[in-house]
Amino acid sequence: DEGSDVYNTFEPPAPGARSEHLRVLRSHADAGALRLLLEGRGGRTYTLRLKTPFAVGDGEDFSATRVGADEYRLT
């Protein structure tokens, strides 16, 4: 039984610069849903990647685009 993994690409900020990246603070799988607690900068749009064997659809505040056999881009 495979699970799901959510991640983002990471480029470290320059020394002394503020981080502009989205942070995944917590993820929890419920029946039929993956719940995420995220932290980012207000007013920004972020992209996450999701690897899962399950079907993924758009959510209330995001859209999901299939980019591989079991991989999605969430924006």
PDB file of N, CA and C in Angstrom:
ATOM      1  N   ASP A   1       0.848  -1.187   0.000  1.00  0.00           N
ATOM      2  CA  ASP A   1       0.000   0.000   0.000  1.00  0.00           C
ATOM      3  C   ASP A   1       0.886   1.240   0.000  1.00  0.00           C
ATOM      4  N   GLU A   2       0.885   1.967  -1.101  1.00  0.00           N
ATOM      5  CA  GLU A   2       1.696   3.175  -1.211  1.00  0.00           C
ATOM      6  C   GLU A   2       1.019   4.350  -0.544  1.00  0.00           C
ATOM      7  N   GLY A   3       1.828   5.281  -0.076  1.00  0.00           N
ATOM      8  CA  GLY A   3       1.308   6.510   0.500  1.00  0.00           C
ATOM      9  C   GLY A   3       1.508   7.664  -0.456  1.00  0.00           C
ATOM     10  N   SER A   4       1.329   8.858   0.068  1.00  0.00           N
ATOM     11  CA  SER A   4       1.483  10.082  -0.717  1.00  0.00           C
ATOM     12  C   SER A   4       2.609  10.908  -0.129  1.00  0.00           C
ATOM     13  N   ASP A   5       3.265  11.686  -0.976  1.00  0.00           N
ATOM     14  CA  ASP A   5       4.361  12.543  -0.541  1.00  0.00           C
ATOM     15  C   ASP A   5       4.186  13.907  -1.180  1.00  0.00           C
ATOM     16  N   VAL A   6       4.230  14.952  -0.371  1.00  0.00           N
ATOM     17  CA  VAL A   6       4.149  16.315  -0.882  1.00  0.00           C
ATOM     18  C   VAL A   6       5.504  16.977  -0.643  1.00  0.00           C
ATOM     19  N   TYR A   7       5.978  17.721  -1.635  1.00  0.00           N
ATOM     20  CA  TYR A   7       7.293  18.351  -1.518  1.00  0.00           C
ATOM     21  C   TYR A   7       7.352  19.563  -2.432  1.00  0.00           C
ATOM     22  N   ASN A   8       8.358  20.380  -2.234  1.00  0.00           N
ATOM     23  CA  ASN A   8       8.611  21.494  -3.146  1.00  0.00           C
ATOM     24  C   ASN A   8      10.089  21.509  -3.490  1.00  0.00           C
ATOM     25  N   THR A   9      10.395  22.136  -4.602  1.00  0.00           N
ATOM     26  CA  THR A   9      11.800  22.289  -4.960  1.00  0.00           C
ATOM     27  C   THR A   9      12.379  23.359  -4.053  1.00  0.00           C
ATOM     28  N   PHE A  10      13.619  23.235  -3.704  1.00  0.00           N
ATOM     29  CA  PHE A  10      14.220  24.156  -2.744  1.00  0.00           C
ATOM     30  C   PHE A  10      15.510  24.725  -3.295  1.00  0.00           C
ATOM     31  N   GLU A  11      15.601  26.031  -3.259  1.00  0.00           N
ATOM     32  CA  GLU A  11      16.840  26.728  -3.566  1.00  0.00           C
ATOM     33  C   GLU A  11      17.151  27.586  -2.353  1.00  0.00           C
ATOM     34  N   PRO A  12      18.274  27.353  -1.688  1.00  0.00           N
ATOM     35  CA  PRO A  12      18.573  28.133  -0.488  1.00  0.00           C
ATOM     36  C   PRO A  12      18.707  29.619  -0.815  1.00  0.00           C
ATOM     37  N   PRO A  13      18.226  30.489   0.090  1.00  0.00           N
ATOM     38  CA  PRO A  13      18.360  31.928  -0.144  1.00  0.00           C
ATOM     39  C   PRO A  13      19.827  32.349  -0.037  1.00  0.00           C
ATOM     40  N   ALA A  14      20.132  33.467  -0.646  1.00  0.00           N
ATOM     41  CA  ALA A  14      21.481  34.018  -0.535  1.00  0.00           C
ATOM     42  C   ALA A  14      21.746  34.369   0.930  1.00  0.00           C
ATOM     43  N   PRO A  15      22.988  34.355   1.357  1.00  0.00           N
ATOM     44  CA  PRO A  15      23.298  34.713   2.741  1.00  0.00           C
ATOM     45  C   PRO A  15      22.704  36.081   3.101  1.00  0.00           C
ATOM     46  N   GLY A  16      21.985  36.120   4.219  1.00  0.00           N
ATOM     47  CA  GLY A  16      21.373  37.363   4.687  1.00  0.00           C
ATOM     48  C   GLY A  16      20.014  37.666   4.085  1.00  0.00           C
ATOM     49  N   ALA A  17      19.592  36.920   3.058  1.00  0.00           N
ATOM     50  CA  ALA A  17      18.304  37.165   2.406  1.00  0.00           C
ATOM     51  C   ALA A  17      17.197  36.422   3.148  1.00  0.00           C
ATOM     52  N   ARG A  18      15.976  36.921   3.014  1.00  0.00           N
ATOM     53  CA  ARG A  18      14.809  36.263   3.596  1.00  0.00           C
ATOM     54  C   ARG A  18      14.409  35.073   2.737  1.00  0.00           C
ATOM     55  N   SER A  19      13.920  34.049   3.392  1.00  0.00           N
ATOM     56  CA  SER A  19      13.401  32.902   2.649  1.00  0.00           C
ATOM     57  C   SER A  19      12.081  33.288   2.003  1.00  0.00           C
ATOM     58  N   GLU A  20      11.924  32.978   0.742  1.00  0.00           N
ATOM     59  CA  GLU A  20      10.698  33.270  -0.002  1.00  0.00           C
ATOM     60  C   GLU A  20       9.916  31.988  -0.280  1.00  0.00           C
ATOM     61  N   HIS A  21      10.382  30.867   0.226  1.00  0.00           N
ATOM     62  CA  HIS A  21       9.805  29.567  -0.111  1.00  0.00           C
ATOM     63  C   HIS A  21       8.656  29.183   0.804  1.00  0.00           C
ATOM     64  N   LEU A  22       7.802  28.342   0.282  1.00  0.00           N
ATOM     65  CA  LEU A  22       6.713  27.750   1.042  1.00  0.00           C
ATOM     66  C   LEU A  22       7.275  26.626   1.902  1.00  0.00           C
ATOM     67  N   ARG A  23       6.805  26.555   3.144  1.00  0.00           N
ATOM     68  CA  ARG A  23       7.231  25.476   4.039  1.00  0.00           C
ATOM     69  C   ARG A  23       6.046  24.565   4.332  1.00  0.00           C
ATOM     70  N   VAL A  24       6.289  23.278   4.267  1.00  0.00           N
ATOM     71  CA  VAL A  24       5.288  22.289   4.655  1.00  0.00           C
ATOM     72  C   VAL A  24       5.528  21.996   6.135  1.00  0.00           C
ATOM     73  N   LEU A  25       4.618  22.468   6.992  1.00  0.00           N
ATOM     74  CA  LEU A  25       4.777  22.282   8.427  1.00  0.00           C
ATOM     75  C   LEU A  25       4.227  20.938   8.899  1.00  0.00           C
ATOM     76  N   ARG A  26       3.144  20.485   8.263  1.00  0.00           N
ATOM     77  CA  ARG A  26       2.526  19.224   8.672  1.00  0.00           C
ATOM     78  C   ARG A  26       1.698  18.673   7.525  1.00  0.00           C
ATOM     79  N   SER A  27       1.659  17.367   7.417  1.00  0.00           N
ATOM     80  CA  SER A  27       0.754  16.710   6.468  1.00  0.00           C
ATOM     81  C   SER A  27       0.101  15.532   7.173  1.00  0.00           C
ATOM     82  N   HIS A  28      -1.177  15.315   6.861  1.00  0.00           N
ATOM     83  CA  HIS A  28      -1.943  14.247   7.507  1.00  0.00           C
ATOM     84  C   HIS A  28      -2.937  13.689   6.498  1.00  0.00           C
ATOM     85  N   ALA A  29      -2.945  12.380   6.350  1.00  0.00           N
ATOM     86  CA  ALA A  29      -3.879  11.735   5.424  1.00  0.00           C
ATOM     87  C   ALA A  29      -5.148  11.340   6.166  1.00  0.00           C
ATOM     88  N   ASP A  30      -6.285  11.799   5.664  1.00  0.00           N
ATOM     89  CA  ASP A  30      -7.607  11.386   6.127  1.00  0.00           C
ATOM     90  C   ASP A  30      -8.207  10.504   5.040  1.00  0.00           C
ATOM     91  N   ALA A  31      -9.353   9.922   5.321  1.00  0.00           N
ATOM     92  CA  ALA A  31     -10.047   9.133   4.301  1.00  0.00           C
ATOM     93  C   ALA A  31     -10.402  10.040   3.126  1.00  0.00           C
ATOM     94  N   GLY A  32      -9.757   9.830   1.991  1.00  0.00           N
ATOM     95  CA  GLY A  32     -10.073  10.591   0.789  1.00  0.00           C
ATOM     96  C   GLY A  32      -9.481  11.981   0.721  1.00  0.00           C
ATOM     97  N   ALA A  33      -8.590  12.350   1.652  1.00  0.00           N
ATOM     98  CA  ALA A  33      -8.028  13.709   1.624  1.00  0.00           C
ATOM     99  C   ALA A  33      -6.629  13.726   2.231  1.00  0.00           C
ATOM    100  N   LEU A  34      -5.824  14.654   1.763  1.00  0.00           N
ATOM    101  CA  LEU A  34      -4.516  14.916   2.345  1.00  0.00           C
ATOM    102  C   LEU A  34      -4.568  16.326   2.905  1.00  0.00           C
ATOM    103  N   ARG A  35      -4.427  16.469   4.200  1.00  0.00           N
ATOM    104  CA  ARG A  35      -4.510  17.771   4.871  1.00  0.00           C
ATOM    105  C   ARG A  35      -3.100  18.313   5.090  1.00  0.00           C
ATOM    106  N   LEU A  36      -2.901  19.567   4.698  1.00  0.00           N
ATOM    107  CA  LEU A  36      -1.582  20.188   4.802  1.00  0.00           C
ATOM    108  C   LEU A  36      -1.650  21.450   5.638  1.00  0.00           C
ATOM    109  N   LEU A  37      -0.619  21.677   6.446  1.00  0.00           N
ATOM    110  CA  LEU A  37      -0.425  22.947   7.135  1.00  0.00           C
ATOM    111  C   LEU A  37       0.815  23.566   6.501  1.00  0.00           C
ATOM    112  N   LEU A  38       0.629  24.719   5.864  1.00  0.00           N
ATOM    113  CA  LEU A  38       1.693  25.358   5.088  1.00  0.00           C
ATOM    114  C   LEU A  38       2.000  26.733   5.643  1.00  0.00           C
ATOM    115  N   GLU A  39       3.223  27.191   5.406  1.00  0.00           N
ATOM    116  CA  GLU A  39       3.621  28.538   5.817  1.00  0.00           C
ATOM    117  C   GLU A  39       4.344  29.196   4.649  1.00  0.00           C
ATOM    118  N   GLY A  40       3.908  30.407   4.312  1.00  0.00           N
ATOM    119  CA  GLY A  40       4.534  31.146   3.220  1.00  0.00           C
ATOM    120  C   GLY A  40       4.333  32.634   3.412  1.00  0.00           C
ATOM    121  N   ARG A  41       4.754  33.399   2.450  1.00  0.00           N
ATOM    122  CA  ARG A  41       4.630  34.854   2.501  1.00  0.00           C
ATOM    123  C   ARG A  41       3.280  35.252   1.930  1.00  0.00           C
ATOM    124  N   GLY A  42       2.599  36.172   2.604  1.00  0.00           N
ATOM    125  CA  GLY A  42       1.285  36.635   2.168  1.00  0.00           C
ATOM    126  C   GLY A  42       1.317  37.237   0.771  1.00  0.00           C
ATOM    127  N   GLY A  43       0.248  37.004   0.016  1.00  0.00           N
ATOM    128  CA  GLY A  43       0.131  37.578  -1.314  1.00  0.00           C
ATOM    129  C   GLY A  43       0.896  36.847  -2.402  1.00  0.00           C
ATOM    130  N   ARG A  44       1.569  35.770  -2.061  1.00  0.00           N
ATOM    131  CA  ARG A  44       2.355  35.016  -3.044  1.00  0.00           C
ATOM    132  C   ARG A  44       1.601  33.779  -3.502  1.00  0.00           C
ATOM    133  N   THR A  45       1.924  33.316  -4.687  1.00  0.00           N
ATOM    134  CA  THR A  45       1.422  32.055  -5.205  1.00  0.00           C
ATOM    135  C   THR A  45       2.573  31.057  -5.181  1.00  0.00           C
ATOM    136  N   TYR A  46       2.303  29.866  -4.703  1.00  0.00           N
ATOM    137  CA  TYR A  46       3.333  28.835  -4.587  1.00  0.00           C
ATOM    138  C   TYR A  46       2.923  27.595  -5.366  1.00  0.00           C
ATOM    139  N   THR A  47       3.911  26.766  -5.658  1.00  0.00           N
ATOM    140  CA  THR A  47       3.682  25.492  -6.324  1.00  0.00           C
ATOM    141  C   THR A  47       4.271  24.379  -5.466  1.00  0.00           C
ATOM    142  N   LEU A  48       3.492  23.328  -5.271  1.00  0.00           N
ATOM    143  CA  LEU A  48       3.947  22.124  -4.579  1.00  0.00           C
ATOM    144  C   LEU A  48       3.878  20.953  -5.544  1.00  0.00           C
ATOM    145  N   ARG A  49       4.636  19.919  -5.260  1.00  0.00           N
ATOM    146  CA  ARG A  49       4.562  18.675  -6.013  1.00  0.00           C
ATOM    147  C   ARG A  49       3.955  17.611  -5.103  1.00  0.00           C
ATOM    148  N   LEU A  50       3.151  16.749  -5.691  1.00  0.00           N
ATOM    149  CA  LEU A  50       2.504  15.664  -4.962  1.00  0.00           C
ATOM    150  C   LEU A  50       2.734  14.365  -5.712  1.00  0.00           C
ATOM    151  N   LYS A  51       3.283  13.383  -5.023  1.00  0.00           N
ATOM    152  CA  LYS A  51       3.473  12.050  -5.604  1.00  0.00           C
ATOM    153  C   LYS A  51       2.521  11.117  -4.871  1.00  0.00           C
ATOM    154  N   THR A  52       1.600  10.504  -5.625  1.00  0.00           N
ATOM    155  CA  THR A  52       0.580   9.651  -5.026  1.00  0.00           C
ATOM    156  C   THR A  52       0.014   8.680  -6.054  1.00  0.00           C
ATOM    157  N   PRO A  53      -0.365   7.490  -5.620  1.00  0.00           N
ATOM    158  CA  PRO A  53      -1.022   6.557  -6.531  1.00  0.00           C
ATOM    159  C   PRO A  53      -2.528   6.825  -6.652  1.00  0.00           C
ATOM    160  N   PHE A  54      -3.036   7.771  -5.876  1.00  0.00           N
ATOM    161  CA  PHE A  54      -4.468   8.063  -5.838  1.00  0.00           C
ATOM    162  C   PHE A  54      -4.842   9.156  -6.833  1.00  0.00           C
ATOM    163  N   ALA A  55      -6.108   9.186  -7.234  1.00  0.00           N
ATOM    164  CA  ALA A  55      -6.610  10.240  -8.122  1.00  0.00           C
ATOM    165  C   ALA A  55      -6.625  11.564  -7.363  1.00  0.00           C
ATOM    166  N   VAL A  56      -6.251  12.643  -8.034  1.00  0.00           N
ATOM    167  CA  VAL A  56      -6.189  13.973  -7.419  1.00  0.00           C
ATOM    168  C   VAL A  56      -7.045  14.928  -8.231  1.00  0.00           C
ATOM    169  N   GLY A  57      -7.822  15.731  -7.545  1.00  0.00           N
ATOM    170  CA  GLY A  57      -8.640  16.745  -8.203  1.00  0.00           C
ATOM    171  C   GLY A  57      -8.352  18.109  -7.613  1.00  0.00           C
ATOM    172  N   ASP A  58      -8.900  19.136  -8.236  1.00  0.00           N
ATOM    173  CA  ASP A  58      -8.740  20.495  -7.728  1.00  0.00           C
ATOM    174  C   ASP A  58      -9.409  20.620  -6.369  1.00  0.00           C
ATOM    175  N   GLY A  59      -8.880  21.511  -5.543  1.00  0.00           N
ATOM    176  CA  GLY A  59      -9.442  21.765  -4.219  1.00  0.00           C
ATOM    177  C   GLY A  59     -10.036  23.153  -4.145  1.00  0.00           C
ATOM    178  N   GLU A  60     -10.399  23.549  -2.949  1.00  0.00           N
ATOM    179  CA  GLU A  60     -11.029  24.852  -2.731  1.00  0.00           C
ATOM    180  C   GLU A  60     -10.104  26.006  -3.105  1.00  0.00           C
ATOM    181  N   ASP A  61      -8.827  25.896  -2.762  1.00  0.00           N
ATOM    182  CA  ASP A  61      -7.891  26.998  -2.995  1.00  0.00           C
ATOM    183  C   ASP A  61      -6.692  26.602  -3.852  1.00  0.00           C
ATOM    184  N   PHE A  62      -6.804  25.525  -4.612  1.00  0.00           N
ATOM    185  CA  PHE A  62      -5.680  25.102  -5.447  1.00  0.00           C
ATOM    186  C   PHE A  62      -6.187  24.333  -6.663  1.00  0.00           C
ATOM    187  N   SER A  63      -5.310  24.235  -7.656  1.00  0.00           N
ATOM    188  CA  SER A  63      -5.603  23.387  -8.811  1.00  0.00           C
ATOM    189  C   SER A  63      -4.499  22.340  -8.923  1.00  0.00           C
ATOM    190  N   ALA A  64      -4.850  21.171  -9.435  1.00  0.00           N
ATOM    191  CA  ALA A  64      -3.914  20.059  -9.578  1.00  0.00           C
ATOM    192  C   ALA A  64      -3.741  19.734 -11.056  1.00  0.00           C
ATOM    193  N   THR A  65      -2.481  19.642 -11.487  1.00  0.00           N
ATOM    194  CA  THR A  65      -2.156  19.297 -12.866  1.00  0.00           C
ATOM    195  C   THR A  65      -1.283  18.055 -12.859  1.00  0.00           C
ATOM    196  N   ARG A  66      -1.697  17.032 -13.586  1.00  0.00           N
ATOM    197  CA  ARG A  66      -0.899  15.802 -13.662  1.00  0.00           C
ATOM    198  C   ARG A  66       0.357  16.081 -14.482  1.00  0.00           C
ATOM    199  N   VAL A  67       1.525  15.715 -13.930  1.00  0.00           N
ATOM    200  CA  VAL A  67       2.793  15.940 -14.630  1.00  0.00           C
ATOM    201  C   VAL A  67       3.584  14.646 -14.814  1.00  0.00           C
ATOM    202  N   GLY A  68       3.034  13.541 -14.358  1.00  0.00           N
ATOM    203  CA  GLY A  68       3.685  12.244 -14.491  1.00  0.00           C
ATOM    204  C   GLY A  68       2.696  11.149 -14.147  1.00  0.00           C
ATOM    205  N   ALA A  69       3.156   9.899 -14.198  1.00  0.00           N
ATOM    206  CA  ALA A  69       2.261   8.768 -13.939  1.00  0.00           C
ATOM    207  C   ALA A  69       1.578   8.881 -12.581  1.00  0.00           C
ATOM    208  N   ASP A  70       2.317   9.185 -11.544  1.00  0.00           N
ATOM    209  CA  ASP A  70       1.780   9.324 -10.188  1.00  0.00           C
ATOM    210  C   ASP A  70       2.175  10.662  -9.576  1.00  0.00           C
ATOM    211  N   GLU A  71       2.359  11.686 -10.393  1.00  0.00           N
ATOM    212  CA  GLU A  71       2.855  12.965  -9.890  1.00  0.00           C
ATOM    213  C   GLU A  71       1.995  14.121 -10.378  1.00  0.00           C
ATOM    214  N   TYR A  72       1.782  15.086  -9.470  1.00  0.00           N
ATOM    215  CA  TYR A  72       0.939  16.250  -9.751  1.00  0.00           C
ATOM    216  C   TYR A  72       1.652  17.529  -9.325  1.00  0.00           C
ATOM    217  N   ARG A  73       1.297  18.617  -9.984  1.00  0.00           N
ATOM    218  CA  ARG A  73       1.746  19.961  -9.594  1.00  0.00           C
ATOM    219  C   ARG A  73       0.524  20.663  -9.014  1.00  0.00           C
ATOM    220  N   LEU A  74       0.649  21.178  -7.797  1.00  0.00           N
ATOM    221  CA  LEU A  74      -0.431  21.890  -7.120  1.00  0.00           C
ATOM    222  C   LEU A  74      -0.105  23.370  -7.091  1.00  0.00           C
ATOM    223  N   THR A  75      -1.012  24.208  -7.588  1.00  0.00           N
ATOM    224  CA  THR A  75      -0.806  25.662  -7.569  1.00  0.00           C
ATOM    225  C   THR A  75      -2.044  26.348  -7.034  1.00  0.00           C
TER     226      THR A  75
END
